[in-house]
Amino acid sequence: MRTAVVVIIAIVLTCLFLVQKRHEQSVASAPVQTTATAQKASTPRPVSEHNWAKHSLDRTRTVIDQVAKQRKEDGTRK
């Protein structure tokens, strides 16, 4: 009897998981309209010395922008 209950719970959880995954895929495949202002922040976030994760992301973004600017000036890859 206990085995049957465990198997039924596992089947229900598996079904819920699959329904959720299908719903996420259908939402992701739907076309999303975004504006250029929504993609890039108008002002950079202030960097806190105590927030190392945000600092590393901001530094990465700065380096990416510098490389893109340098490539644009040099006329190399886009």
C-alpha atoms as a PDB file:
ATOM      1  CA  MET A   1       0.000   0.000   0.000  1.00  0.00           C
ATOM      2  CA  ARG A   2       2.810   2.397   0.838  1.00  0.00           C
ATOM      3  CA  THR A   3       4.523   1.637  -2.433  1.00  0.00           C
ATOM      4  CA  ALA A   4       1.376   2.515  -4.382  1.00  0.00           C
ATOM      5  CA  VAL A   5       1.106   5.875  -2.622  1.00  0.00           C
ATOM      6  CA  VAL A   6       4.748   6.685  -3.367  1.00  0.00           C
ATOM      7  CA  VAL A   7       4.348   5.709  -7.026  1.00  0.00           C
ATOM      8  CA  ILE A   8       1.185   7.815  -7.389  1.00  0.00           C
ATOM      9  CA  ILE A   9       2.902  10.837  -5.821  1.00  0.00           C
ATOM     10  CA  ALA A  10       5.883  10.392  -8.156  1.00  0.00           C
ATOM     11  CA  ILE A  11       3.591  10.208 -11.195  1.00  0.00           C
ATOM     12  CA  VAL A  12       1.677  13.328 -10.139  1.00  0.00           C
ATOM     13  CA  LEU A  13       4.883  15.282  -9.555  1.00  0.00           C
ATOM     14  CA  THR A  14       6.274  14.162 -12.912  1.00  0.00           C
ATOM     15  CA  CYS A  15       3.107  15.260 -14.687  1.00  0.00           C
ATOM     16  CA  LEU A  16       3.204  18.654 -12.973  1.00  0.00           C
ATOM     17  CA  PHE A  17       6.852  19.064 -13.950  1.00  0.00           C
ATOM     18  CA  LEU A  18       6.139  18.246 -17.592  1.00  0.00           C
ATOM     19  CA  VAL A  19       3.159  20.616 -17.731  1.00  0.00           C
ATOM     20  CA  GLN A  20       5.294  23.403 -16.286  1.00  0.00           C
ATOM     21  CA  LYS A  21       8.108  22.787 -18.805  1.00  0.00           C
ATOM     22  CA  ARG A  22       5.677  22.842 -21.730  1.00  0.00           C
ATOM     23  CA  HIS A  23       4.147  26.073 -20.461  1.00  0.00           C
ATOM     24  CA  GLU A  24       7.603  27.694 -20.143  1.00  0.00           C
ATOM     25  CA  GLN A  25       8.502  26.637 -23.683  1.00  0.00           C
ATOM     26  CA  SER A  26       5.267  28.038 -25.114  1.00  0.00           C
ATOM     27  CA  VAL A  27       5.791  31.351 -23.303  1.00  0.00           C
ATOM     28  CA  ALA A  28       9.428  31.543 -24.449  1.00  0.00           C
ATOM     29  CA  SER A  29       8.538  30.853 -28.072  1.00  0.00           C
ATOM     30  CA  ALA A  30       5.909  33.618 -28.160  1.00  0.00           C
ATOM     31  CA  PRO A  31       7.226  36.814 -29.791  1.00  0.00           C
ATOM     32  CA  VAL A  32       8.167  39.431 -27.250  1.00  0.00           C
ATOM     33  CA  GLN A  33       8.148  43.088 -28.203  1.00  0.00           C
ATOM     34  CA  THR A  34      10.767  45.153 -26.443  1.00  0.00           C
ATOM     35  CA  THR A  35      11.982  48.649 -26.958  1.00  0.00           C
ATOM     36  CA  ALA A  36      15.584  49.768 -27.192  1.00  0.00           C
ATOM     37  CA  THR A  37      15.276  51.681 -23.936  1.00  0.00           C
ATOM     38  CA  ALA A  38      14.141  48.568 -22.086  1.00  0.00           C
ATOM     39  CA  GLN A  39      17.176  46.597 -23.225  1.00  0.00           C
ATOM     40  CA  LYS A  40      19.809  49.037 -22.078  1.00  0.00           C
ATOM     41  CA  ALA A  41      19.661  51.071 -18.916  1.00  0.00           C
ATOM     42  CA  SER A  42      19.792  54.818 -19.413  1.00  0.00           C
ATOM     43  CA  THR A  43      22.247  55.283 -16.541  1.00  0.00           C
ATOM     44  CA  PRO A  44      24.677  52.736 -15.122  1.00  0.00           C
ATOM     45  CA  ARG A  45      24.007  51.366 -11.679  1.00  0.00           C
ATOM     46  CA  PRO A  46      26.166  52.689  -8.865  1.00  0.00           C
ATOM     47  CA  VAL A  47      28.809  50.171  -7.876  1.00  0.00           C
ATOM     48  CA  SER A  48      29.087  49.219  -4.241  1.00  0.00           C
ATOM     49  CA  GLU A  49      32.412  47.939  -2.977  1.00  0.00           C
ATOM     50  CA  HIS A  50      30.568  45.414  -0.809  1.00  0.00           C
ATOM     51  CA  ASN A  51      28.511  43.956  -3.639  1.00  0.00           C
ATOM     52  CA  TRP A  52      31.135  41.958  -5.513  1.00  0.00           C
ATOM     53  CA  ALA A  53      28.644  40.220  -7.826  1.00  0.00           C
ATOM     54  CA  LYS A  54      27.220  43.480  -9.174  1.00  0.00           C
ATOM     55  CA  HIS A  55      30.707  44.948  -9.417  1.00  0.00           C
ATOM     56  CA  SER A  56      31.927  42.056 -11.539  1.00  0.00           C
ATOM     57  CA  LEU A  57      28.895  42.296 -13.834  1.00  0.00           C
ATOM     58  CA  ASP A  58      29.373  46.036 -14.233  1.00  0.00           C
ATOM     59  CA  ARG A  59      33.083  45.575 -14.969  1.00  0.00           C
ATOM     60  CA  THR A  60      32.294  42.891 -17.530  1.00  0.00           C
ATOM     61  CA  ARG A  61      29.801  45.184 -19.254  1.00  0.00           C
ATOM     62  CA  THR A  62      32.359  47.997 -19.302  1.00  0.00           C
ATOM     63  CA  VAL A  63      34.972  45.763 -20.922  1.00  0.00           C
ATOM     64  CA  ILE A  64      32.468  44.508 -23.506  1.00  0.00           C
ATOM     65  CA  ASP A  65      31.573  48.089 -24.406  1.00  0.00           C
ATOM     66  CA  GLN A  66      35.257  49.035 -24.683  1.00  0.00           C
ATOM     67  CA  VAL A  67      36.001  46.100 -26.983  1.00  0.00           C
ATOM     68  CA  ALA A  68      32.973  46.879 -29.157  1.00  0.00           C
ATOM     69  CA  LYS A  69      34.015  50.523 -29.411  1.00  0.00           C
ATOM     70  CA  GLN A  70      37.613  49.577 -30.281  1.00  0.00           C
ATOM     71  CA  ARG A  71      36.487  47.113 -32.945  1.00  0.00           C
ATOM     72  CA  LYS A  72      34.172  49.711 -34.427  1.00  0.00           C
ATOM     73  CA  GLU A  73      37.000  52.267 -34.595  1.00  0.00           C
ATOM     74  CA  ASP A  74      39.463  49.759 -36.045  1.00  0.00           C
ATOM     75  CA  GLY A  75      36.972  48.454 -38.592  1.00  0.00           C
ATOM     76  CA  THR A  76      37.401  44.843 -37.546  1.00  0.00           C
ATOM     77  CA  ARG A  77      34.680  42.339 -36.757  1.00  0.00           C
ATOM     78  CA  LYS A  78      31.286  43.603 -35.695  1.00  0.00           C
END
